[in-house]
Amino acid sequence: MSNSHQPYRSHRRRKKSHSGRLGLAGALTGAIGIAAVAGAIVYLRPGTGERESTEPALASQGGASRQGTPVPAPKTGPPVNFTTPEGYGYTLAAVKAGTNRQPLGATEAPPSGTTYAYADYVLTNNQRRPVLLDYPADLFMPKAQVPEDARERCMPQAGIADDMCTLPNHSKITGLVDGSKAPVDDNGTAMMPAGASYVVRIASDLPVKEGLSADDLQVYVWNARYTSDRKGIRLAFP
């Protein structure tokens, strides 16, 4: 979280940072006090197709120097609510998935015959207080669609089909939904303002086969902070 302008890596590869975050989260909770859960629901409206040919306008994950691009609420699948042990509440809803050679803007071009996988989802702070800016979702694809030299990096997870796995990835805010305020910096920690809702893009760091279909991609929340039984919860696309 120290660099507000860098894409956020998958929580699968940042276990060491959780203890610090939980301590900070506890302190923030004590300072702010217990607030009622707003139970906000992601508003739905017709959106665009499965794939997109243009690069997204990338918003900052924190700080006031880059406010991001306001966007209308996209069409989503059914929203799912999650609550962390320290009491932070989030609503997630999947938007679309696909492949793109530059899903998060200017990145190194993948080798011939490969591309990158991505998925978009809406992340909402469903409380009446600021919450830690976190990215609970992970992107899964068929292991058969991952080049052989990267398959050992594609990890399965409990409760998710054995033939599906998740590659190292980054997440980044690509839009502020319906006038939502951008994340704010609280002593080096990015926080979501009360009721804020963002479009988030999660994209693989390693290439996948060019023939990978958008229909092959799935978004799950599986981290123990969000799922009590440690099994993946799928976010269905619209």
C-alpha atoms as a PDB file:
ATOM      1  CA  MET A   1       0.000   0.000   0.000  1.00  0.00           C
ATOM      2  CA  SER A   2       2.976   2.295   0.292  1.00  0.00           C
ATOM      3  CA  ASN A   3       3.002   3.085  -3.411  1.00  0.00           C
ATOM      4  CA  SER A   4      -0.425   4.349  -4.362  1.00  0.00           C
ATOM      5  CA  HIS A   5       0.295   4.362  -8.068  1.00  0.00           C
ATOM      6  CA  GLN A   6       1.272   0.707  -8.528  1.00  0.00           C
ATOM      7  CA  PRO A   7      -1.171  -2.085  -9.333  1.00  0.00           C
ATOM      8  CA  TYR A   8      -2.001  -4.256  -6.359  1.00  0.00           C
ATOM      9  CA  ARG A   9      -0.714  -7.835  -6.293  1.00  0.00           C
ATOM     10  CA  SER A  10      -2.929 -10.810  -5.576  1.00  0.00           C
ATOM     11  CA  HIS A  11      -3.461 -11.503  -1.868  1.00  0.00           C
ATOM     12  CA  ARG A  12      -2.255 -15.031  -2.540  1.00  0.00           C
ATOM     13  CA  ARG A  13       1.276 -13.666  -2.698  1.00  0.00           C
ATOM     14  CA  ARG A  14       1.115 -11.114   0.123  1.00  0.00           C
ATOM     15  CA  LYS A  15       0.493 -13.257   3.199  1.00  0.00           C
ATOM     16  CA  LYS A  16       3.303 -11.568   5.126  1.00  0.00           C
ATOM     17  CA  SER A  17       1.511  -8.219   4.967  1.00  0.00           C
ATOM     18  CA  HIS A  18      -1.716  -9.422   6.572  1.00  0.00           C
ATOM     19  CA  SER A  19      -0.522  -9.302  10.168  1.00  0.00           C
ATOM     20  CA  GLY A  20       0.448  -5.664   9.788  1.00  0.00           C
ATOM     21  CA  ARG A  21      -2.824  -4.829   8.098  1.00  0.00           C
ATOM     22  CA  LEU A  22      -4.870  -6.589  10.746  1.00  0.00           C
ATOM     23  CA  GLY A  23      -3.087  -4.632  13.472  1.00  0.00           C
ATOM     24  CA  LEU A  24      -3.652  -1.373  11.626  1.00  0.00           C
ATOM     25  CA  ALA A  25      -7.231  -2.314  10.905  1.00  0.00           C
ATOM     26  CA  GLY A  26      -7.855  -2.992  14.601  1.00  0.00           C
ATOM     27  CA  ALA A  27      -6.411   0.356  15.547  1.00  0.00           C
ATOM     28  CA  LEU A  28      -8.499   2.157  12.967  1.00  0.00           C
ATOM     29  CA  THR A  29     -11.613   0.336  14.113  1.00  0.00           C
ATOM     30  CA  GLY A  30     -11.014   1.385  17.702  1.00  0.00           C
ATOM     31  CA  ALA A  31     -10.429   4.980  16.668  1.00  0.00           C
ATOM     32  CA  ILE A  32     -13.412   5.282  14.423  1.00  0.00           C
ATOM     33  CA  GLY A  33     -15.852   3.288  16.523  1.00  0.00           C
ATOM     34  CA  ILE A  34     -18.482   0.802  15.535  1.00  0.00           C
ATOM     35  CA  ALA A  35     -20.745   2.018  12.760  1.00  0.00           C
ATOM     36  CA  ALA A  36     -23.937   0.533  11.366  1.00  0.00           C
ATOM     37  CA  VAL A  37     -23.597  -1.515   8.212  1.00  0.00           C
ATOM     38  CA  ALA A  38     -25.286   0.293   5.390  1.00  0.00           C
ATOM     39  CA  GLY A  39     -25.930  -2.885   3.424  1.00  0.00           C
ATOM     40  CA  ALA A  40     -25.474  -1.025   0.172  1.00  0.00           C
ATOM     41  CA  ILE A  41     -26.362  -2.862  -3.009  1.00  0.00           C
ATOM     42  CA  VAL A  42     -24.602  -2.371  -6.308  1.00  0.00           C
ATOM     43  CA  TYR A  43     -26.971  -0.670  -8.701  1.00  0.00           C
ATOM     44  CA  LEU A  44     -27.243  -2.351 -12.056  1.00  0.00           C
ATOM     45  CA  ARG A  45     -27.690  -0.917 -15.512  1.00  0.00           C
ATOM     46  CA  PRO A  46     -26.963  -2.243 -18.990  1.00  0.00           C
ATOM     47  CA  GLY A  47     -23.253  -2.380 -19.776  1.00  0.00           C
ATOM     48  CA  THR A  48     -20.944  -3.279 -22.617  1.00  0.00           C
ATOM     49  CA  GLY A  49     -19.915  -6.569 -24.159  1.00  0.00           C
ATOM     50  CA  GLU A  50     -17.567  -9.257 -22.937  1.00  0.00           C
ATOM     51  CA  ARG A  51     -14.351  -7.941 -24.469  1.00  0.00           C
ATOM     52  CA  GLU A  52     -12.999  -4.461 -25.033  1.00  0.00           C
ATOM     53  CA  SER A  53     -10.466  -3.189 -27.516  1.00  0.00           C
ATOM     54  CA  THR A  54      -9.469   0.050 -25.794  1.00  0.00           C
ATOM     55  CA  GLU A  55      -7.323   0.488 -22.707  1.00  0.00           C
ATOM     56  CA  PRO A  56      -9.096   1.564 -19.509  1.00  0.00           C
ATOM     57  CA  ALA A  57      -8.559   4.946 -17.902  1.00  0.00           C
ATOM     58  CA  LEU A  58      -6.625   3.992 -14.794  1.00  0.00           C
ATOM     59  CA  ALA A  59      -7.505   5.573 -11.469  1.00  0.00           C
ATOM     60  CA  SER A  60      -5.229   6.033  -8.506  1.00  0.00           C
ATOM     61  CA  GLN A  61      -5.516   3.601  -5.594  1.00  0.00           C
ATOM     62  CA  GLY A  62      -5.034   6.429  -3.119  1.00  0.00           C
ATOM     63  CA  GLY A  63      -4.032  10.035  -2.674  1.00  0.00           C
ATOM     64  CA  ALA A  64      -5.544  13.111  -4.221  1.00  0.00           C
ATOM     65  CA  SER A  65      -3.170  13.589  -7.152  1.00  0.00           C
ATOM     66  CA  ARG A  66      -5.136  11.332  -9.507  1.00  0.00           C
ATOM     67  CA  GLN A  67      -8.843  11.181  -8.884  1.00  0.00           C
ATOM     68  CA  GLY A  68      -9.636   8.632 -11.573  1.00  0.00           C
ATOM     69  CA  THR A  69     -12.417   8.612 -14.115  1.00  0.00           C
ATOM     70  CA  PRO A  70     -16.084   8.683 -13.063  1.00  0.00           C
ATOM     71  CA  VAL A  71     -18.067   5.924 -14.768  1.00  0.00           C
ATOM     72  CA  PRO A  72     -21.723   4.865 -14.730  1.00  0.00           C
ATOM     73  CA  ALA A  73     -22.562   1.711 -12.810  1.00  0.00           C
ATOM     74  CA  PRO A  74     -21.960  -1.246 -15.159  1.00  0.00           C
ATOM     75  CA  LYS A  75     -24.194  -4.247 -15.525  1.00  0.00           C
ATOM     76  CA  THR A  76     -23.120  -6.893 -13.023  1.00  0.00           C
ATOM     77  CA  GLY A  77     -23.937 -10.354 -11.818  1.00  0.00           C
ATOM     78  CA  PRO A  78     -25.533 -10.921  -8.394  1.00  0.00           C
ATOM     79  CA  PRO A  79     -23.728  -8.908  -5.683  1.00  0.00           C
ATOM     80  CA  VAL A  80     -22.214 -10.823  -2.763  1.00  0.00           C
ATOM     81  CA  ASN A  81     -21.460  -9.312   0.661  1.00  0.00           C
ATOM     82  CA  PHE A  82     -18.313 -10.054   2.663  1.00  0.00           C
ATOM     83  CA  THR A  83     -17.181  -8.990   6.137  1.00  0.00           C
ATOM     84  CA  THR A  84     -13.635  -9.233   7.493  1.00  0.00           C
ATOM     85  CA  PRO A  85     -12.777 -10.262  11.078  1.00  0.00           C
ATOM     86  CA  GLU A  86     -12.109  -6.631  11.986  1.00  0.00           C
ATOM     87  CA  GLY A  87     -15.546  -5.608  10.751  1.00  0.00           C
ATOM     88  CA  TYR A  88     -14.884  -4.130   7.318  1.00  0.00           C
ATOM     89  CA  GLY A  89     -17.767  -4.737   4.920  1.00  0.00           C
ATOM     90  CA  TYR A  90     -17.557  -5.084   1.129  1.00  0.00           C
ATOM     91  CA  THR A  91     -19.950  -5.909  -1.683  1.00  0.00           C
ATOM     92  CA  LEU A  92     -18.505  -7.497  -4.828  1.00  0.00           C
ATOM     93  CA  ALA A  93     -20.194  -8.100  -8.170  1.00  0.00           C
ATOM     94  CA  ALA A  94     -18.591  -9.407 -11.372  1.00  0.00           C
ATOM     95  CA  VAL A  95     -18.836  -7.369 -14.576  1.00  0.00           C
ATOM     96  CA  LYS A  96     -17.006  -9.176 -17.404  1.00  0.00           C
ATOM     97  CA  ALA A  97     -13.878 -11.110 -18.331  1.00  0.00           C
ATOM     98  CA  GLY A  98     -11.707 -11.429 -21.392  1.00  0.00           C
ATOM     99  CA  THR A  99      -8.179 -11.271 -22.783  1.00  0.00           C
ATOM    100  CA  ASN A 100      -6.039  -8.310 -23.766  1.00  0.00           C
ATOM    101  CA  ARG A 101      -2.369  -7.847 -24.592  1.00  0.00           C
ATOM    102  CA  GLN A 102      -2.307  -4.779 -22.324  1.00  0.00           C
ATOM    103  CA  PRO A 103      -5.150  -5.182 -19.812  1.00  0.00           C
ATOM    104  CA  LEU A 104      -3.709  -2.643 -17.358  1.00  0.00           C
ATOM    105  CA  GLY A 105      -2.241  -0.214 -19.824  1.00  0.00           C
ATOM    106  CA  ALA A 106       1.409  -0.104 -20.860  1.00  0.00           C
ATOM    107  CA  THR A 107       2.946  -3.479 -20.011  1.00  0.00           C
ATOM    108  CA  GLU A 108       5.472  -5.764 -21.651  1.00  0.00           C
ATOM    109  CA  ALA A 109       3.934  -7.399 -24.712  1.00  0.00           C
ATOM    110  CA  PRO A 110       3.356 -11.141 -24.229  1.00  0.00           C
ATOM    111  CA  PRO A 111       5.095 -13.682 -26.494  1.00  0.00           C
ATOM    112  CA  SER A 112       3.525 -14.529 -29.844  1.00  0.00           C
ATOM    113  CA  GLY A 113       0.507 -16.805 -29.477  1.00  0.00           C
ATOM    114  CA  THR A 114      -0.219 -15.637 -25.932  1.00  0.00           C
ATOM    115  CA  THR A 115      -2.094 -12.827 -24.214  1.00  0.00           C
ATOM    116  CA  TYR A 116      -3.153 -11.771 -20.708  1.00  0.00           C
ATOM    117  CA  ALA A 117      -6.388 -12.674 -18.934  1.00  0.00           C
ATOM    118  CA  TYR A 118      -8.433 -10.137 -17.005  1.00  0.00           C
ATOM    119  CA  ALA A 119     -11.763  -9.655 -15.275  1.00  0.00           C
ATOM    120  CA  ASP A 120     -13.627  -6.575 -14.087  1.00  0.00           C
ATOM    121  CA  TYR A 121     -15.734  -6.409 -10.959  1.00  0.00           C
ATOM    122  CA  VAL A 122     -17.398  -3.738  -8.824  1.00  0.00           C
ATOM    123  CA  LEU A 123     -16.025  -3.298  -5.310  1.00  0.00           C
ATOM    124  CA  THR A 124     -18.242  -1.374  -2.874  1.00  0.00           C
ATOM    125  CA  ASN A 125     -17.711  -0.219   0.686  1.00  0.00           C
ATOM    126  CA  ASN A 126     -21.121  -1.100   2.076  1.00  0.00           C
ATOM    127  CA  GLN A 127     -20.584   0.713   5.378  1.00  0.00           C
ATOM    128  CA  ARG A 128     -21.058   4.243   6.659  1.00  0.00           C
ATOM    129  CA  ARG A 129     -17.406   4.609   7.564  1.00  0.00           C
ATOM    130  CA  PRO A 130     -14.106   4.289   5.681  1.00  0.00           C
ATOM    131  CA  VAL A 131     -12.759   0.770   5.201  1.00  0.00           C
ATOM    132  CA  LEU A 132      -9.390  -0.567   4.126  1.00  0.00           C
ATOM    133  CA  LEU A 133      -8.969  -0.591   0.334  1.00  0.00           C
ATOM    134  CA  ASP A 134      -8.501  -4.288  -0.366  1.00  0.00           C
ATOM    135  CA  TYR A 135      -9.035  -6.536  -3.384  1.00  0.00           C
ATOM    136  CA  PRO A 136     -10.716  -9.772  -2.268  1.00  0.00           C
ATOM    137  CA  ALA A 137     -11.282 -11.336  -5.706  1.00  0.00           C
ATOM    138  CA  ASP A 138      -8.976 -13.657  -7.658  1.00  0.00           C
ATOM    139  CA  LEU A 139      -9.018 -14.625 -11.345  1.00  0.00           C
ATOM    140  CA  PHE A 140      -9.187 -18.304 -12.317  1.00  0.00           C
ATOM    141  CA  MET A 141      -8.675 -19.975 -15.692  1.00  0.00           C
ATOM    142  CA  PRO A 142      -8.419 -23.562 -16.996  1.00  0.00           C
ATOM    143  CA  LYS A 143      -4.932 -24.909 -16.314  1.00  0.00           C
ATOM    144  CA  ALA A 144      -4.900 -26.325 -19.854  1.00  0.00           C
ATOM    145  CA  GLN A 145      -4.995 -22.763 -21.193  1.00  0.00           C
ATOM    146  CA  VAL A 146      -1.818 -21.766 -19.346  1.00  0.00           C
ATOM    147  CA  PRO A 147       1.478 -22.266 -21.240  1.00  0.00           C
ATOM    148  CA  GLU A 148       3.428 -25.249 -19.917  1.00  0.00           C
ATOM    149  CA  ASP A 149       6.314 -23.143 -18.634  1.00  0.00           C
ATOM    150  CA  ALA A 150       3.924 -21.237 -16.339  1.00  0.00           C
ATOM    151  CA  ARG A 151       1.655 -24.035 -15.108  1.00  0.00           C
ATOM    152  CA  GLU A 152       3.584 -24.588 -11.901  1.00  0.00           C
ATOM    153  CA  ARG A 153       2.800 -20.946 -11.033  1.00  0.00           C
ATOM    154  CA  CYS A 154      -0.949 -21.495 -11.566  1.00  0.00           C
ATOM    155  CA  MET A 155      -2.344 -22.458  -8.176  1.00  0.00           C
ATOM    156  CA  PRO A 156      -5.547 -24.412  -7.389  1.00  0.00           C
ATOM    157  CA  GLN A 157      -7.696 -23.532  -4.366  1.00  0.00           C
ATOM    158  CA  ALA A 158     -10.080 -25.442  -2.112  1.00  0.00           C
ATOM    159  CA  GLY A 159     -13.689 -25.515  -3.263  1.00  0.00           C
ATOM    160  CA  ILE A 160     -12.796 -24.593  -6.854  1.00  0.00           C
ATOM    161  CA  ALA A 161     -12.725 -27.109  -9.705  1.00  0.00           C
ATOM    162  CA  ASP A 162      -9.448 -29.038  -9.896  1.00  0.00           C
ATOM    163  CA  ASP A 163      -8.866 -28.058 -13.510  1.00  0.00           C
ATOM    164  CA  MET A 164      -8.999 -24.332 -12.622  1.00  0.00           C
ATOM    165  CA  CYS A 165      -6.092 -22.330 -11.220  1.00  0.00           C
ATOM    166  CA  THR A 166      -5.004 -18.746 -10.576  1.00  0.00           C
ATOM    167  CA  LEU A 167      -1.818 -17.120 -11.855  1.00  0.00           C
ATOM    168  CA  PRO A 168       0.062 -14.285 -10.122  1.00  0.00           C
ATOM    169  CA  ASN A 169      -1.907 -11.128 -10.853  1.00  0.00           C
ATOM    170  CA  HIS A 170      -2.428  -7.433 -10.159  1.00  0.00           C
ATOM    171  CA  SER A 171      -5.590  -5.499  -9.322  1.00  0.00           C
ATOM    172  CA  LYS A 172      -6.193  -1.832 -10.080  1.00  0.00           C
ATOM    173  CA  ILE A 173      -9.086   0.626  -9.918  1.00  0.00           C
ATOM    174  CA  THR A 174     -10.235   1.616 -13.400  1.00  0.00           C
ATOM    175  CA  GLY A 175     -13.302   3.728 -12.580  1.00  0.00           C
ATOM    176  CA  LEU A 176     -15.176   5.561  -9.824  1.00  0.00           C
ATOM    177  CA  VAL A 177     -18.813   4.481  -9.984  1.00  0.00           C
ATOM    178  CA  ASP A 178     -21.597   7.089 -10.037  1.00  0.00           C
ATOM    179  CA  GLY A 179     -19.629   9.931  -8.458  1.00  0.00           C
ATOM    180  CA  SER A 180     -17.888   7.877  -5.779  1.00  0.00           C
ATOM    181  CA  LYS A 181     -14.997   9.592  -4.025  1.00  0.00           C
ATOM    182  CA  ALA A 182     -11.491   8.316  -4.797  1.00  0.00           C
ATOM    183  CA  PRO A 183      -9.555   6.377  -2.155  1.00  0.00           C
ATOM    184  CA  VAL A 184      -7.960   8.509   0.541  1.00  0.00           C
ATOM    185  CA  ASP A 185      -4.558   8.135   2.158  1.00  0.00           C
ATOM    186  CA  ASP A 186      -4.598   7.595   5.918  1.00  0.00           C
ATOM    187  CA  ASN A 187      -0.991   7.691   7.113  1.00  0.00           C
ATOM    188  CA  GLY A 188       0.178   5.623   4.158  1.00  0.00           C
ATOM    189  CA  THR A 189      -2.816   3.281   4.047  1.00  0.00           C
ATOM    190  CA  ALA A 190      -5.398   3.578   1.273  1.00  0.00           C
ATOM    191  CA  MET A 191      -8.981   3.673   2.519  1.00  0.00           C
ATOM    192  CA  MET A 192     -12.323   3.553   0.702  1.00  0.00           C
ATOM    193  CA  PRO A 193     -14.678   6.377   1.735  1.00  0.00           C
ATOM    194  CA  ALA A 194     -18.074   5.419   3.111  1.00  0.00           C
ATOM    195  CA  GLY A 195     -20.321   4.025   0.367  1.00  0.00           C
ATOM    196  CA  ALA A 196     -17.652   4.319  -2.340  1.00  0.00           C
ATOM    197  CA  SER A 197     -17.922   1.969  -5.297  1.00  0.00           C
ATOM    198  CA  TYR A 198     -15.148   1.238  -7.801  1.00  0.00           C
ATOM    199  CA  VAL A 199     -14.684  -0.787 -10.955  1.00  0.00           C
ATOM    200  CA  VAL A 200     -11.603  -2.951 -10.353  1.00  0.00           C
ATOM    201  CA  ARG A 201      -9.642  -4.833 -12.999  1.00  0.00           C
ATOM    202  CA  ILE A 202      -7.674  -7.931 -12.041  1.00  0.00           C
ATOM    203  CA  ALA A 203      -5.189  -9.108 -14.676  1.00  0.00           C
ATOM    204  CA  SER A 204      -2.739 -11.995 -14.875  1.00  0.00           C
ATOM    205  CA  ASP A 205       0.973 -11.176 -14.599  1.00  0.00           C
ATOM    206  CA  LEU A 206       1.860 -14.220 -16.727  1.00  0.00           C
ATOM    207  CA  PRO A 207       0.538 -14.890 -20.232  1.00  0.00           C
ATOM    208  CA  VAL A 208      -2.169 -17.381 -21.137  1.00  0.00           C
ATOM    209  CA  LYS A 209      -2.836 -19.049 -24.458  1.00  0.00           C
ATOM    210  CA  GLU A 210      -4.338 -16.765 -27.074  1.00  0.00           C
ATOM    211  CA  GLY A 211      -7.242 -19.147 -27.600  1.00  0.00           C
ATOM    212  CA  LEU A 212      -8.512 -18.659 -24.051  1.00  0.00           C
ATOM    213  CA  SER A 213     -12.197 -17.713 -24.139  1.00  0.00           C
ATOM    214  CA  ALA A 214     -13.883 -15.153 -21.917  1.00  0.00           C
ATOM    215  CA  ASP A 215     -16.317 -17.930 -20.992  1.00  0.00           C
ATOM    216  CA  ASP A 216     -13.402 -19.924 -19.541  1.00  0.00           C
ATOM    217  CA  LEU A 217     -12.581 -17.264 -16.954  1.00  0.00           C
ATOM    218  CA  GLN A 218     -14.094 -17.126 -13.486  1.00  0.00           C
ATOM    219  CA  VAL A 219     -13.794 -14.814 -10.486  1.00  0.00           C
ATOM    220  CA  TYR A 220     -13.701 -16.207  -6.949  1.00  0.00           C
ATOM    221  CA  VAL A 221     -13.220 -14.914  -3.425  1.00  0.00           C
ATOM    222  CA  TRP A 222     -11.388 -17.588  -1.452  1.00  0.00           C
ATOM    223  CA  ASN A 223      -9.114 -15.883   1.100  1.00  0.00           C
ATOM    224  CA  ALA A 224      -9.826 -16.897   4.695  1.00  0.00           C
ATOM    225  CA  ARG A 225     -10.409 -13.272   5.710  1.00  0.00           C
ATOM    226  CA  TYR A 226     -13.582 -13.325   3.609  1.00  0.00           C
ATOM    227  CA  THR A 227     -14.734 -16.966   3.616  1.00  0.00           C
ATOM    228  CA  SER A 228     -15.175 -18.738   6.930  1.00  0.00           C
ATOM    229  CA  ASP A 229     -14.911 -22.253   5.456  1.00  0.00           C
ATOM    230  CA  ARG A 230     -11.828 -21.401   3.338  1.00  0.00           C
ATOM    231  CA  LYS A 231     -13.638 -22.426   0.156  1.00  0.00           C
ATOM    232  CA  GLY A 232     -13.985 -20.281  -2.915  1.00  0.00           C
ATOM    233  CA  ILE A 233     -17.153 -18.230  -3.473  1.00  0.00           C
ATOM    234  CA  ARG A 234     -17.842 -17.535  -7.131  1.00  0.00           C
ATOM    235  CA  LEU A 235     -18.861 -14.109  -8.420  1.00  0.00           C
ATOM    236  CA  ALA A 236     -21.196 -14.826 -11.318  1.00  0.00           C
ATOM    237  CA  PHE A 237     -21.068 -12.690 -14.440  1.00  0.00           C
ATOM    238  CA  PRO A 238     -24.252 -11.047 -15.725  1.00  0.00           C
END
